[in-house]
């Protein structure tokens, strides 16, 4: 296995019960702030390169058509079509993987230096 899975814990109360606060701001990358649901403590912040949901590509196409957008090429349509299956498979693989007890910073450092 060439990846590590870790469940984030609150640094204050060690709870795994967290929620994502997604901040979308024009001209800036999407930022996700992770907050503990138990005590409200800041856990982490991520900047997203891409966003994926459990919606099928048909849902995205309907949204794009509704707002006057179109897909410019067949390859773009194929990319959207295959996206849901790939993401679902990766999600299942990630969910089933053993979890690491290392801190996220340690995991990132280890993977960066293993290359």
Protein backbone atom coordinates (compact mmCIF):
# COMPACT_ATOMS: atom_id res chain seq x y z
CA UNK A 1 0.00 0.00 0.00
CA UNK A 2 1.50 3.34 -1.00
CA UNK A 3 -0.74 5.63 1.03
CA UNK A 4 -1.54 6.30 4.69
CA UNK A 5 -4.96 6.94 6.21
CA UNK A 6 -5.40 8.86 9.43
CA UNK A 7 -8.59 9.87 11.23
CA UNK A 8 -8.21 13.42 12.46
CA UNK A 9 -8.63 13.96 16.17
CA UNK A 10 -9.31 17.17 18.04
CA UNK A 11 -6.07 18.46 19.61
CA UNK A 12 -8.07 19.63 22.64
CA UNK A 13 -10.36 16.69 23.51
CA UNK A 14 -9.13 13.86 21.19
CA UNK A 15 -12.59 13.47 19.67
CA UNK A 16 -12.78 12.10 16.10
CA UNK A 17 -16.13 13.91 15.70
CA UNK A 18 -15.29 16.81 13.39
CA UNK A 19 -17.06 18.92 10.79
CA UNK A 20 -15.83 20.68 7.68
CA UNK A 21 -16.56 24.36 7.18
CA UNK A 22 -16.05 25.01 3.46
CA UNK A 23 -15.16 28.60 2.57
CA UNK A 24 -15.69 29.56 -1.07
CA UNK A 25 -14.47 33.03 -1.96
CA UNK A 26 -14.15 34.49 -5.45
CA UNK A 27 -10.56 34.61 -6.67
CA UNK A 28 -9.21 32.47 -3.83
CA UNK A 29 -8.71 28.71 -3.44
CA UNK A 30 -11.46 26.81 -1.64
CA UNK A 31 -10.51 26.44 2.02
CA UNK A 32 -11.81 23.81 4.40
CA UNK A 33 -11.66 24.55 8.10
CA UNK A 34 -12.02 21.46 10.28
CA UNK A 35 -13.73 22.09 13.62
CA UNK A 36 -14.35 19.70 16.50
CA UNK A 37 -18.07 19.02 16.94
CA UNK A 38 -17.57 18.22 20.61
CA UNK A 39 -15.75 21.33 21.86
CA UNK A 40 -15.59 23.68 18.85
CA UNK A 41 -11.77 23.73 18.67
CA UNK A 42 -9.94 24.44 15.40
CA UNK A 43 -8.45 21.16 14.15
CA UNK A 44 -7.00 21.94 10.72
CA UNK A 45 -7.30 23.96 7.52
CA UNK A 46 -6.92 22.58 4.00
CA UNK A 47 -6.76 24.36 0.69
CA UNK A 48 -8.47 22.44 -2.09
CA UNK A 49 -7.14 22.04 -5.58
CA UNK A 50 -10.31 20.23 -6.68
CA UNK A 51 -13.61 19.42 -5.05
CA UNK A 52 -15.47 16.14 -5.42
CA UNK A 53 -18.90 15.18 -4.16
CA UNK A 54 -21.05 12.08 -4.31
CA UNK A 55 -23.16 13.59 -7.09
CA UNK A 56 -23.05 11.90 -10.47
CA UNK A 57 -21.73 13.68 -13.51
CA UNK A 58 -25.32 13.96 -14.80
CA UNK A 59 -26.04 16.23 -11.85
CA UNK A 60 -23.07 18.43 -12.78
CA UNK A 61 -24.14 18.53 -16.43
CA UNK A 62 -27.67 19.61 -15.47
CA UNK A 63 -26.22 22.36 -13.28
CA UNK A 64 -23.91 23.54 -16.07
CA UNK A 65 -26.74 23.60 -18.64
CA UNK A 66 -29.03 25.45 -16.23
CA UNK A 67 -26.41 28.18 -15.88
CA UNK A 68 -25.59 28.39 -19.58
CA UNK A 69 -22.32 26.44 -19.57
CA UNK A 70 -21.39 23.68 -21.97
CA UNK A 71 -18.66 21.07 -22.19
CA UNK A 72 -16.23 22.09 -24.90
CA UNK A 73 -14.95 18.67 -25.91
CA UNK A 74 -15.68 14.96 -25.89
CA UNK A 75 -12.57 14.35 -23.75
CA UNK A 76 -13.90 16.74 -21.10
CA UNK A 77 -17.22 14.87 -21.09
CA UNK A 78 -15.40 11.54 -20.72
CA UNK A 79 -13.36 12.95 -17.84
CA UNK A 80 -16.56 13.92 -16.04
CA UNK A 81 -18.20 10.59 -16.85
CA UNK A 82 -15.38 8.54 -15.33
CA UNK A 83 -14.90 10.81 -12.36
CA UNK A 84 -17.62 9.42 -10.09
CA UNK A 85 -16.52 5.78 -10.40
CA UNK A 86 -12.86 6.61 -9.77
CA UNK A 87 -13.67 8.73 -6.73
CA UNK A 88 -16.02 6.08 -5.32
CA UNK A 89 -13.35 3.38 -5.69
CA UNK A 90 -10.71 5.56 -4.02
CA UNK A 91 -13.10 6.45 -1.19
CA UNK A 92 -13.84 2.75 -0.53
CA UNK A 93 -10.13 1.85 -0.63
CA UNK A 94 -9.34 4.71 1.76
CA UNK A 95 -12.20 3.78 4.11
CA UNK A 96 -11.01 0.17 4.34
CA UNK A 97 -7.30 0.96 4.85
CA UNK A 98 -5.69 0.61 8.29
CA UNK A 99 -5.46 3.93 10.11
CA UNK A 100 -2.18 5.52 11.19
CA UNK A 101 -1.57 6.97 14.65
CA UNK A 102 1.02 9.42 13.35
CA UNK A 103 0.19 13.11 13.28
CA UNK A 104 -0.71 14.41 9.84
CA UNK A 105 2.46 16.52 9.72
CA UNK A 106 4.54 13.37 10.35
CA UNK A 107 2.73 11.47 7.60
CA UNK A 108 3.29 14.30 5.10
CA UNK A 109 6.98 14.55 6.05
CA UNK A 110 7.50 10.77 5.72
CA UNK A 111 5.82 10.59 2.31
CA UNK A 112 7.74 13.60 1.02
CA UNK A 113 11.07 12.02 2.01
CA UNK A 114 10.27 8.49 0.75
CA UNK A 115 10.29 9.59 -2.89
